[in-house]
Amino acid sequence: MWCRQTYYQKNTRERRPSITLAELKKGVLDGGDEDEDVSKLVQYPDNLTYKDLLYFLCAPTLCYELNFPRTSRVRKRFLLKRLLEVVIGVNVVMALFQQWIIPSVRNSLIPFSNMDVALATERLLKLALPNHLCWLCFFYLMFHSFLNAVGELLNFADRNFYCDWWNANNIDTFWRTWNMPVHRWCVRHLYIPVVQMGYSSRQASTIVFLFSAVFHEYLVSVPLQIYKIWAFMGMMGQIPLSAISKSIEKKLGPRIGNIIVWASIILGQPLCIMAYYHDYVVQHFKNSLNGTDYGS
């Protein structure tokens, strides 16, 4: 349970330290003086209000707390920088899509349909670079610029939206560091309850990946109005790939393990995009493709 001490600090730019309700009450009892902070903490059922629910829905977190860590003020210069990054980032992502990704994906249809391995590999590598640049821009746009802007507007102080996933030595470390809000939700609401039910940590991790695989497939299949298993298989494939990357890390060192992580990101995503585009065109434009000569 999070809360914030409300005493005034000399430096207004500093965040107020986060403490738990138990720690705060213990400090009051040990000090012998009544602290106003205890009475200001929200406790159940006082949190059952529309205001509290609306704040949780807008806050950049997926895990509910009775008392979220809060900041004392909104830093206008910091907020302006993040908003400018959002505007610029959206335009950069759109430019990458229009100039490189869409033409590359369209050109991959014929070699992918004809199972031309050499030409399909060339299209895959050609798509990998702009797709990876777009993914990096989107990551910065979402997890750094947008979420920090929302957190600043709402005085939300817990800004740990990502860790140094780019230094991950294996796949398991990557998934635990690149998306911290989702990771904390999965640990809190899936992993820990499954372990408490008596399952092993490996079984709990498999269940978490299974849930994530179903969710990823749902996010792709519903908008495209097709049911395929590429996203599902891609996520479930992370389980053996995680074991392989850990083995490579132990035998060949952390640098090679980090190369495996980056290779899976750079090559896995465009391969999945090409597969879904092919299936989407075949299913929704089958009649238009009946007279198409893929060998030309």
C-alpha atoms as a PDB file:
ATOM      1  CA  MET A   1       0.000   0.000   0.000  1.00  0.00           C
ATOM      2  CA  TRP A   2       1.471   3.301  -1.098  1.00  0.00           C
ATOM      3  CA  CYS A   3       1.180   6.694   0.471  1.00  0.00           C
ATOM      4  CA  ARG A   4       3.136   9.897   0.663  1.00  0.00           C
ATOM      5  CA  GLN A   5       4.325  12.002   3.526  1.00  0.00           C
ATOM      6  CA  THR A   6       2.928  15.512   3.221  1.00  0.00           C
ATOM      7  CA  TYR A   7       5.571  17.480   5.047  1.00  0.00           C
ATOM      8  CA  TYR A   8       7.083  20.385   3.154  1.00  0.00           C
ATOM      9  CA  GLN A   9      10.547  20.101   1.684  1.00  0.00           C
ATOM     10  CA  LYS A  10      13.005  22.853   0.957  1.00  0.00           C
ATOM     11  CA  ASN A  11      13.570  21.645  -2.603  1.00  0.00           C
ATOM     12  CA  THR A  12      10.179  21.586  -4.322  1.00  0.00           C
ATOM     13  CA  ARG A  13      11.544  19.514  -7.197  1.00  0.00           C
ATOM     14  CA  GLU A  14      12.178  16.502  -4.969  1.00  0.00           C
ATOM     15  CA  ARG A  15       9.624  13.730  -4.751  1.00  0.00           C
ATOM     16  CA  ARG A  16       8.117  12.989  -1.374  1.00  0.00           C
ATOM     17  CA  PRO A  17       9.370   9.595  -0.146  1.00  0.00           C
ATOM     18  CA  SER A  18       6.927   6.705  -0.385  1.00  0.00           C
ATOM     19  CA  ILE A  19       6.140   4.704   2.744  1.00  0.00           C
ATOM     20  CA  THR A  20       3.545   2.122   3.685  1.00  0.00           C
ATOM     21  CA  LEU A  21       0.625   2.700   6.001  1.00  0.00           C
ATOM     22  CA  ALA A  22       2.132   0.327   8.564  1.00  0.00           C
ATOM     23  CA  GLU A  23       5.456   2.194   8.494  1.00  0.00           C
ATOM     24  CA  LEU A  24       3.711   5.519   8.867  1.00  0.00           C
ATOM     25  CA  LYS A  25       1.647   4.334  11.838  1.00  0.00           C
ATOM     26  CA  LYS A  26       4.734   2.791  13.423  1.00  0.00           C
ATOM     27  CA  GLY A  27       6.539   6.110  13.099  1.00  0.00           C
ATOM     28  CA  VAL A  28       3.641   7.871  14.812  1.00  0.00           C
ATOM     29  CA  LEU A  29       3.608   5.403  17.698  1.00  0.00           C
ATOM     30  CA  ASP A  30       7.378   5.516  18.142  1.00  0.00           C
ATOM     31  CA  GLY A  31       7.514   9.294  17.992  1.00  0.00           C
ATOM     32  CA  GLY A  32       4.624   9.784  20.343  1.00  0.00           C
ATOM     33  CA  ASP A  33       3.224  12.674  18.282  1.00  0.00           C
ATOM     34  CA  GLU A  34       0.082  12.468  16.237  1.00  0.00           C
ATOM     35  CA  ASP A  35       0.776  12.753  12.515  1.00  0.00           C
ATOM     36  CA  GLU A  36      -1.844  14.265  10.245  1.00  0.00           C
ATOM     37  CA  ASP A  37      -0.717  11.988   7.403  1.00  0.00           C
ATOM     38  CA  VAL A  38      -2.411   8.944   8.951  1.00  0.00           C
ATOM     39  CA  SER A  39      -5.821  10.574   8.788  1.00  0.00           C
ATOM     40  CA  LYS A  40      -5.232  11.651   5.179  1.00  0.00           C
ATOM     41  CA  LEU A  41      -4.601   8.118   3.944  1.00  0.00           C
ATOM     42  CA  VAL A  42      -7.498   6.544   2.070  1.00  0.00           C
ATOM     43  CA  GLN A  43      -8.736   3.323   3.631  1.00  0.00           C
ATOM     44  CA  TYR A  44     -11.424   0.852   2.596  1.00  0.00           C
ATOM     45  CA  PRO A  45     -14.336   1.488   2.087  1.00  0.00           C
ATOM     46  CA  ASP A  46     -13.650   5.227   1.732  1.00  0.00           C
ATOM     47  CA  ASN A  47     -12.017   4.507  -1.623  1.00  0.00           C
ATOM     48  CA  LEU A  48     -15.305   3.377  -3.209  1.00  0.00           C
ATOM     49  CA  THR A  49     -15.994   6.649  -4.977  1.00  0.00           C
ATOM     50  CA  TYR A  50     -16.317   7.719  -8.603  1.00  0.00           C
ATOM     51  CA  LYS A  51     -13.373  10.082  -8.159  1.00  0.00           C
ATOM     52  CA  ASP A  52     -11.094   7.281  -6.971  1.00  0.00           C
ATOM     53  CA  LEU A  53     -12.245   4.962  -9.769  1.00  0.00           C
ATOM     54  CA  LEU A  54     -11.746   7.657 -12.416  1.00  0.00           C
ATOM     55  CA  TYR A  55      -8.238   8.391 -11.151  1.00  0.00           C
ATOM     56  CA  PHE A  56      -7.309   4.704 -11.359  1.00  0.00           C
ATOM     57  CA  LEU A  57      -8.695   4.428 -14.902  1.00  0.00           C
ATOM     58  CA  CYS A  58      -6.640   7.437 -16.029  1.00  0.00           C
ATOM     59  CA  ALA A  59      -3.474   6.720 -14.039  1.00  0.00           C
ATOM     60  CA  PRO A  60      -0.584   5.080 -15.958  1.00  0.00           C
ATOM     61  CA  THR A  61      -0.786   1.822 -14.026  1.00  0.00           C
ATOM     62  CA  LEU A  62      -2.704  -1.458 -14.147  1.00  0.00           C
ATOM     63  CA  CYS A  63      -2.425  -2.334 -10.447  1.00  0.00           C
ATOM     64  CA  TYR A  64      -4.864  -0.669  -8.087  1.00  0.00           C
ATOM     65  CA  GLU A  65      -3.679   0.776  -4.782  1.00  0.00           C
ATOM     66  CA  LEU A  66      -5.584   2.507  -2.025  1.00  0.00           C
ATOM     67  CA  ASN A  67      -2.954   5.253  -1.890  1.00  0.00           C
ATOM     68  CA  PHE A  68      -0.921   5.858  -5.021  1.00  0.00           C
ATOM     69  CA  PRO A  69       2.444   7.638  -4.783  1.00  0.00           C
ATOM     70  CA  ARG A  70       1.847  11.308  -5.542  1.00  0.00           C
ATOM     71  CA  THR A  71       3.945  14.329  -6.451  1.00  0.00           C
ATOM     72  CA  SER A  72       3.553  17.769  -4.930  1.00  0.00           C
ATOM     73  CA  ARG A  73       3.215  19.733  -8.173  1.00  0.00           C
ATOM     74  CA  VAL A  74       3.100  19.587 -11.977  1.00  0.00           C
ATOM     75  CA  ARG A  75       6.398  20.414 -13.670  1.00  0.00           C
ATOM     76  CA  LYS A  76       5.264  22.490 -16.641  1.00  0.00           C
ATOM     77  CA  ARG A  77       8.562  22.376 -18.526  1.00  0.00           C
ATOM     78  CA  PHE A  78       8.815  18.600 -18.155  1.00  0.00           C
ATOM     79  CA  LEU A  79       5.191  18.191 -19.263  1.00  0.00           C
ATOM     80  CA  LEU A  80       5.712  20.406 -22.314  1.00  0.00           C
ATOM     81  CA  LYS A  81       8.735  18.347 -23.403  1.00  0.00           C
ATOM     82  CA  ARG A  82       6.805  15.097 -23.139  1.00  0.00           C
ATOM     83  CA  LEU A  83       3.841  16.494 -25.101  1.00  0.00           C
ATOM     84  CA  LEU A  84       6.143  17.732 -27.869  1.00  0.00           C
ATOM     85  CA  GLU A  85       7.737  14.286 -27.997  1.00  0.00           C
ATOM     86  CA  VAL A  86       4.289  12.732 -28.390  1.00  0.00           C
ATOM     87  CA  VAL A  87       3.423  15.010 -31.321  1.00  0.00           C
ATOM     88  CA  ILE A  88       6.783  14.493 -33.041  1.00  0.00           C
ATOM     89  CA  GLY A  89       6.806  10.756 -32.305  1.00  0.00           C
ATOM     90  CA  VAL A  90       3.367  10.186 -33.840  1.00  0.00           C
ATOM     91  CA  ASN A  91       4.468  11.885 -37.056  1.00  0.00           C
ATOM     92  CA  VAL A  92       7.715   9.897 -37.186  1.00  0.00           C
ATOM     93  CA  VAL A  93       5.852   6.599 -36.750  1.00  0.00           C
ATOM     94  CA  MET A  94       3.327   7.557 -39.447  1.00  0.00           C
ATOM     95  CA  ALA A  95       6.150   8.495 -41.829  1.00  0.00           C
ATOM     96  CA  LEU A  96       7.896   5.161 -41.257  1.00  0.00           C
ATOM     97  CA  PHE A  97       4.657   3.311 -41.923  1.00  0.00           C
ATOM     98  CA  GLN A  98       3.818   5.167 -45.117  1.00  0.00           C
ATOM     99  CA  GLN A  99       7.291   5.365 -46.630  1.00  0.00           C
ATOM    100  CA  TRP A 100       8.824   1.990 -45.776  1.00  0.00           C
ATOM    101  CA  ILE A 101       6.640  -0.496 -43.924  1.00  0.00           C
ATOM    102  CA  ILE A 102       3.524  -0.491 -46.137  1.00  0.00           C
ATOM    103  CA  PRO A 103       5.451  -0.862 -49.449  1.00  0.00           C
ATOM    104  CA  SER A 104       7.678  -3.581 -47.967  1.00  0.00           C
ATOM    105  CA  VAL A 105       4.705  -5.536 -46.641  1.00  0.00           C
ATOM    106  CA  ARG A 106       2.904  -5.336 -49.995  1.00  0.00           C
ATOM    107  CA  ASN A 107       5.986  -6.567 -51.843  1.00  0.00           C
ATOM    108  CA  SER A 108       6.191  -9.590 -49.541  1.00  0.00           C
ATOM    109  CA  LEU A 109       2.830 -11.040 -50.627  1.00  0.00           C
ATOM    110  CA  ILE A 110       3.902 -12.832 -53.828  1.00  0.00           C
ATOM    111  CA  PRO A 111       7.146 -14.457 -52.575  1.00  0.00           C
ATOM    112  CA  PHE A 112       5.390 -15.441 -49.346  1.00  0.00           C
ATOM    113  CA  SER A 113       2.504 -17.014 -51.281  1.00  0.00           C
ATOM    114  CA  ASN A 114       4.836 -18.849 -53.667  1.00  0.00           C
ATOM    115  CA  MET A 115       6.974 -20.076 -50.752  1.00  0.00           C
ATOM    116  CA  ASP A 116      10.022 -18.577 -52.420  1.00  0.00           C
ATOM    117  CA  VAL A 117      12.370 -18.875 -49.438  1.00  0.00           C
ATOM    118  CA  ALA A 118      15.193 -16.786 -50.885  1.00  0.00           C
ATOM    119  CA  LEU A 119      12.994 -13.897 -52.026  1.00  0.00           C
ATOM    120  CA  ALA A 120      10.828 -14.067 -48.896  1.00  0.00           C
ATOM    121  CA  THR A 121      13.971 -13.858 -46.750  1.00  0.00           C
ATOM    122  CA  GLU A 122      15.090 -10.805 -48.710  1.00  0.00           C
ATOM    123  CA  ARG A 123      11.682  -9.181 -48.127  1.00  0.00           C
ATOM    124  CA  LEU A 124      11.894 -10.102 -44.441  1.00  0.00           C
ATOM    125  CA  LEU A 125      15.273  -8.425 -44.015  1.00  0.00           C
ATOM    126  CA  LYS A 126      14.084  -5.400 -45.979  1.00  0.00           C
ATOM    127  CA  LEU A 127      11.084  -5.046 -43.671  1.00  0.00           C
ATOM    128  CA  ALA A 128      13.053  -5.726 -40.482  1.00  0.00           C
ATOM    129  CA  LEU A 129      14.919  -2.399 -40.359  1.00  0.00           C
ATOM    130  CA  PRO A 130      11.990   0.052 -40.744  1.00  0.00           C
ATOM    131  CA  ASN A 131       9.785  -2.142 -38.563  1.00  0.00           C
ATOM    132  CA  HIS A 132      12.381  -2.142 -35.797  1.00  0.00           C
ATOM    133  CA  LEU A 133      12.855   1.619 -36.042  1.00  0.00           C
ATOM    134  CA  CYS A 134       9.089   2.040 -35.839  1.00  0.00           C
ATOM    135  CA  TRP A 135       8.921  -0.272 -32.813  1.00  0.00           C
ATOM    136  CA  LEU A 136      11.663   1.671 -31.022  1.00  0.00           C
ATOM    137  CA  CYS A 137       9.961   4.993 -31.778  1.00  0.00           C
ATOM    138  CA  PHE A 138       6.627   3.633 -30.585  1.00  0.00           C
ATOM    139  CA  PHE A 139       8.235   2.312 -27.406  1.00  0.00           C
ATOM    140  CA  TYR A 140       9.751   5.706 -26.603  1.00  0.00           C
ATOM    141  CA  LEU A 141       6.535   7.468 -27.599  1.00  0.00           C
ATOM    142  CA  MET A 142       4.323   5.294 -25.395  1.00  0.00           C
ATOM    143  CA  PHE A 143       6.396   4.295 -22.373  1.00  0.00           C
ATOM    144  CA  HIS A 144       8.488   7.433 -21.940  1.00  0.00           C
ATOM    145  CA  SER A 145       6.685  10.383 -23.495  1.00  0.00           C
ATOM    146  CA  PHE A 146       2.970   9.585 -23.214  1.00  0.00           C
ATOM    147  CA  LEU A 147       2.922   7.750 -19.869  1.00  0.00           C
ATOM    148  CA  ASN A 148       5.188  10.358 -18.263  1.00  0.00           C
ATOM    149  CA  ALA A 149       2.923  13.127 -19.567  1.00  0.00           C
ATOM    150  CA  VAL A 150      -0.152  11.419 -18.119  1.00  0.00           C
ATOM    151  CA  GLY A 151       1.653  10.774 -14.846  1.00  0.00           C
ATOM    152  CA  GLU A 152       2.731  14.406 -14.606  1.00  0.00           C
ATOM    153  CA  LEU A 153      -0.804  15.673 -15.213  1.00  0.00           C
ATOM    154  CA  LEU A 154      -2.209  13.345 -12.536  1.00  0.00           C
ATOM    155  CA  ASN A 155       0.641  13.910 -10.032  1.00  0.00           C
ATOM    156  CA  PHE A 156       1.381  10.197 -10.283  1.00  0.00           C
ATOM    157  CA  ALA A 157       4.891   9.640  -8.900  1.00  0.00           C
ATOM    158  CA  ASP A 158       5.594   5.989  -9.768  1.00  0.00           C
ATOM    159  CA  ARG A 159       7.261   6.458 -13.171  1.00  0.00           C
ATOM    160  CA  ASN A 160       8.924   3.045 -13.435  1.00  0.00           C
ATOM    161  CA  PHE A 161       7.359   2.213 -16.797  1.00  0.00           C
ATOM    162  CA  TYR A 162      10.359   0.291 -18.159  1.00  0.00           C
ATOM    163  CA  CYS A 163      13.806  -0.901 -17.174  1.00  0.00           C
ATOM    164  CA  ASP A 164      16.973  -1.428 -19.216  1.00  0.00           C
ATOM    165  CA  TRP A 165      15.508  -4.177 -21.417  1.00  0.00           C
ATOM    166  CA  TRP A 166      18.084  -3.375 -24.128  1.00  0.00           C
ATOM    167  CA  ASN A 167      20.751  -4.909 -21.864  1.00  0.00           C
ATOM    168  CA  ALA A 168      18.766  -8.122 -21.310  1.00  0.00           C
ATOM    169  CA  ASN A 169      20.999 -11.196 -21.519  1.00  0.00           C
ATOM    170  CA  ASN A 170      18.098 -13.587 -22.128  1.00  0.00           C
ATOM    171  CA  ILE A 171      14.473 -13.557 -23.247  1.00  0.00           C
ATOM    172  CA  ASP A 172      13.141 -13.989 -19.724  1.00  0.00           C
ATOM    173  CA  THR A 173      14.885 -10.818 -18.544  1.00  0.00           C
ATOM    174  CA  PHE A 174      13.562  -8.914 -21.559  1.00  0.00           C
ATOM    175  CA  TRP A 175       9.938  -9.754 -20.797  1.00  0.00           C
ATOM    176  CA  ARG A 176      10.417  -8.764 -17.154  1.00  0.00           C
ATOM    177  CA  THR A 177      11.874  -5.343 -17.946  1.00  0.00           C
ATOM    178  CA  TRP A 178      10.442  -3.851 -21.147  1.00  0.00           C
ATOM    179  CA  ASN A 179       6.808  -3.309 -20.040  1.00  0.00           C
ATOM    180  CA  MET A 180       6.715  -2.817 -16.291  1.00  0.00           C
ATOM    181  CA  PRO A 181       2.985  -1.969 -15.861  1.00  0.00           C
ATOM    182  CA  VAL A 182       1.938  -5.201 -17.590  1.00  0.00           C
ATOM    183  CA  HIS A 183       4.701  -7.184 -15.867  1.00  0.00           C
ATOM    184  CA  ARG A 184       3.598  -6.026 -12.417  1.00  0.00           C
ATOM    185  CA  TRP A 185      -0.033  -6.848 -13.246  1.00  0.00           C
ATOM    186  CA  CYS A 186       0.883 -10.350 -14.423  1.00  0.00           C
ATOM    187  CA  VAL A 187       3.000 -10.979 -11.328  1.00  0.00           C
ATOM    188  CA  ARG A 188       0.354  -9.669  -8.956  1.00  0.00           C
ATOM    189  CA  HIS A 189      -2.779 -11.187 -10.501  1.00  0.00           C
ATOM    190  CA  LEU A 190      -1.467 -14.300 -12.293  1.00  0.00           C
ATOM    191  CA  TYR A 191       1.976 -15.481 -11.208  1.00  0.00           C
ATOM    192  CA  ILE A 192       1.689 -15.086  -7.419  1.00  0.00           C
ATOM    193  CA  PRO A 193      -1.862 -16.551  -7.153  1.00  0.00           C
ATOM    194  CA  VAL A 194      -0.826 -19.575  -9.248  1.00  0.00           C
ATOM    195  CA  VAL A 195       2.263 -20.160  -7.088  1.00  0.00           C
ATOM    196  CA  GLN A 196       0.142 -19.841  -3.943  1.00  0.00           C
ATOM    197  CA  MET A 197      -2.127 -22.558  -5.338  1.00  0.00           C
ATOM    198  CA  GLY A 198       0.801 -24.969  -5.153  1.00  0.00           C
ATOM    199  CA  TYR A 199       2.165 -24.835  -8.700  1.00  0.00           C
ATOM    200  CA  SER A 200       5.853 -24.441  -9.432  1.00  0.00           C
ATOM    201  CA  SER A 201       7.392 -21.214 -10.680  1.00  0.00           C
ATOM    202  CA  ARG A 202       7.929 -22.765 -14.126  1.00  0.00           C
ATOM    203  CA  GLN A 203       4.276 -23.785 -14.367  1.00  0.00           C
ATOM    204  CA  ALA A 204       3.209 -20.323 -13.224  1.00  0.00           C
ATOM    205  CA  SER A 205       5.410 -18.704 -15.879  1.00  0.00           C
ATOM    206  CA  THR A 206       3.884 -20.974 -18.531  1.00  0.00           C
ATOM    207  CA  ILE A 207       0.382 -19.915 -17.485  1.00  0.00           C
ATOM    208  CA  VAL A 208       1.400 -16.247 -17.677  1.00  0.00           C
ATOM    209  CA  PHE A 209       2.783 -16.730 -21.195  1.00  0.00           C
ATOM    210  CA  LEU A 210      -0.363 -18.654 -22.174  1.00  0.00           C
ATOM    211  CA  PHE A 211      -2.554 -15.783 -21.013  1.00  0.00           C
ATOM    212  CA  SER A 212      -0.344 -13.286 -22.833  1.00  0.00           C
ATOM    213  CA  ALA A 213      -0.416 -15.398 -26.008  1.00  0.00           C
ATOM    214  CA  VAL A 214      -4.227 -15.541 -26.020  1.00  0.00           C
ATOM    215  CA  PHE A 215      -4.424 -11.797 -25.394  1.00  0.00           C
ATOM    216  CA  HIS A 216      -1.947 -10.983 -28.196  1.00  0.00           C
ATOM    217  CA  GLU A 217      -3.854 -13.205 -30.616  1.00  0.00           C
ATOM    218  CA  TYR A 218      -7.110 -11.517 -29.632  1.00  0.00           C
ATOM    219  CA  LEU A 219      -5.651  -8.048 -30.252  1.00  0.00           C
ATOM    220  CA  VAL A 220      -4.584  -9.053 -33.769  1.00  0.00           C
ATOM    221  CA  SER A 221      -7.367 -11.392 -34.903  1.00  0.00           C
ATOM    222  CA  VAL A 222     -10.331  -9.211 -33.947  1.00  0.00           C
ATOM    223  CA  PRO A 223      -9.305  -6.057 -35.893  1.00  0.00           C
ATOM    224  CA  LEU A 224      -8.242  -8.122 -38.925  1.00  0.00           C
ATOM    225  CA  GLN A 225     -11.370 -10.321 -38.677  1.00  0.00           C
ATOM    226  CA  ILE A 226      -9.338 -13.473 -39.164  1.00  0.00           C
ATOM    227  CA  TYR A 227      -8.445 -16.236 -36.761  1.00  0.00           C
ATOM    228  CA  LYS A 228      -4.853 -17.360 -37.065  1.00  0.00           C
ATOM    229  CA  ILE A 229      -2.376 -18.551 -34.479  1.00  0.00           C
ATOM    230  CA  TRP A 230       0.772 -16.678 -35.470  1.00  0.00           C
ATOM    231  CA  ALA A 231       0.745 -14.238 -32.546  1.00  0.00           C
ATOM    232  CA  PHE A 232      -0.232 -17.060 -30.193  1.00  0.00           C
ATOM    233  CA  MET A 233       2.576 -19.282 -31.437  1.00  0.00           C
ATOM    234  CA  GLY A 234       5.010 -16.384 -31.328  1.00  0.00           C
ATOM    235  CA  MET A 235       4.304 -15.756 -27.652  1.00  0.00           C
ATOM    236  CA  MET A 236       4.304 -19.436 -26.691  1.00  0.00           C
ATOM    237  CA  GLY A 237       7.558 -19.818 -28.594  1.00  0.00           C
ATOM    238  CA  GLN A 238       9.120 -17.447 -26.086  1.00  0.00           C
ATOM    239  CA  ILE A 239       9.122 -20.259 -23.502  1.00  0.00           C
ATOM    240  CA  PRO A 240      11.604 -22.562 -25.294  1.00  0.00           C
ATOM    241  CA  LEU A 241      13.445 -19.519 -26.666  1.00  0.00           C
ATOM    242  CA  SER A 242      13.892 -18.295 -23.093  1.00  0.00           C
ATOM    243  CA  ALA A 243      15.451 -21.610 -22.088  1.00  0.00           C
ATOM    244  CA  ILE A 244      17.705 -21.563 -25.164  1.00  0.00           C
ATOM    245  CA  SER A 245      18.839 -17.988 -24.531  1.00  0.00           C
ATOM    246  CA  LYS A 246      19.646 -18.794 -20.889  1.00  0.00           C
ATOM    247  CA  SER A 247      21.690 -21.803 -21.984  1.00  0.00           C
ATOM    248  CA  ILE A 248      23.558 -19.706 -24.557  1.00  0.00           C
ATOM    249  CA  GLU A 249      24.185 -17.028 -21.940  1.00  0.00           C
ATOM    250  CA  LYS A 250      25.778 -19.576 -19.599  1.00  0.00           C
ATOM    251  CA  LYS A 251      27.901 -21.233 -22.285  1.00  0.00           C
ATOM    252  CA  LEU A 252      28.879 -18.309 -24.526  1.00  0.00           C
ATOM    253  CA  GLY A 253      28.476 -15.320 -22.239  1.00  0.00           C
ATOM    254  CA  PRO A 254      25.940 -12.524 -21.695  1.00  0.00           C
ATOM    255  CA  ARG A 255      26.888 -10.659 -24.886  1.00  0.00           C
ATOM    256  CA  ILE A 256      25.784 -13.554 -27.101  1.00  0.00           C
ATOM    257  CA  GLY A 257      22.615 -13.857 -25.033  1.00  0.00           C
ATOM    258  CA  ASN A 258      21.894 -10.187 -25.668  1.00  0.00           C
ATOM    259  CA  ILE A 259      22.407 -10.755 -29.409  1.00  0.00           C
ATOM    260  CA  ILE A 260      19.799 -13.533 -29.290  1.00  0.00           C
ATOM    261  CA  VAL A 261      17.341 -11.143 -27.632  1.00  0.00           C
ATOM    262  CA  TRP A 262      17.850  -8.444 -30.258  1.00  0.00           C
ATOM    263  CA  ALA A 263      17.696 -10.953 -33.127  1.00  0.00           C
ATOM    264  CA  SER A 264      14.363 -12.315 -31.894  1.00  0.00           C
ATOM    265  CA  ILE A 265      12.938  -8.785 -31.727  1.00  0.00           C
ATOM    266  CA  ILE A 266      14.273  -7.629 -35.093  1.00  0.00           C
ATOM    267  CA  LEU A 267      13.321 -10.749 -37.084  1.00  0.00           C
ATOM    268  CA  GLY A 268      10.304 -12.098 -35.205  1.00  0.00           C
ATOM    269  CA  GLN A 269       8.027  -9.088 -35.596  1.00  0.00           C
ATOM    270  CA  PRO A 270       8.342  -8.611 -39.394  1.00  0.00           C
ATOM    271  CA  LEU A 271       7.865 -12.352 -39.934  1.00  0.00           C
ATOM    272  CA  CYS A 272       4.607 -12.194 -37.989  1.00  0.00           C
ATOM    273  CA  ILE A 273       3.510  -9.095 -39.934  1.00  0.00           C
ATOM    274  CA  MET A 274       4.169 -10.798 -43.277  1.00  0.00           C
ATOM    275  CA  ALA A 275       2.219 -13.898 -42.217  1.00  0.00           C
ATOM    276  CA  TYR A 276      -0.814 -11.931 -41.067  1.00  0.00           C
ATOM    277  CA  TYR A 277      -0.811  -9.710 -44.156  1.00  0.00           C
ATOM    278  CA  HIS A 278      -0.717 -12.754 -46.429  1.00  0.00           C
ATOM    279  CA  ASP A 279      -3.590 -14.458 -44.605  1.00  0.00           C
ATOM    280  CA  TYR A 280      -5.606 -11.232 -44.460  1.00  0.00           C
ATOM    281  CA  VAL A 281      -5.333 -10.633 -48.208  1.00  0.00           C
ATOM    282  CA  VAL A 282      -6.081 -14.258 -49.072  1.00  0.00           C
ATOM    283  CA  GLN A 283      -9.154 -14.415 -46.822  1.00  0.00           C
ATOM    284  CA  HIS A 284     -10.709 -11.027 -47.561  1.00  0.00           C
ATOM    285  CA  PHE A 285      -9.677 -10.575 -51.210  1.00  0.00           C
ATOM    286  CA  LYS A 286      -9.727 -14.180 -52.381  1.00  0.00           C
ATOM    287  CA  ASN A 287     -11.981 -13.505 -55.372  1.00  0.00           C
ATOM    288  CA  SER A 288      -9.732 -10.708 -56.605  1.00  0.00           C
ATOM    289  CA  LEU A 289      -6.693 -12.977 -56.400  1.00  0.00           C
ATOM    290  CA  ASN A 290      -8.163 -15.894 -58.361  1.00  0.00           C
ATOM    291  CA  GLY A 291      -6.777 -14.611 -61.638  1.00  0.00           C
ATOM    292  CA  THR A 292      -3.458 -13.467 -60.220  1.00  0.00           C
ATOM    293  CA  ASP A 293      -0.359 -15.128 -61.586  1.00  0.00           C
ATOM    294  CA  TYR A 294       2.044 -15.352 -58.654  1.00  0.00           C
ATOM    295  CA  GLY A 295       4.763 -16.681 -60.860  1.00  0.00           C
ATOM    296  CA  SER A 296       5.040 -13.484 -62.898  1.00  0.00           C
END
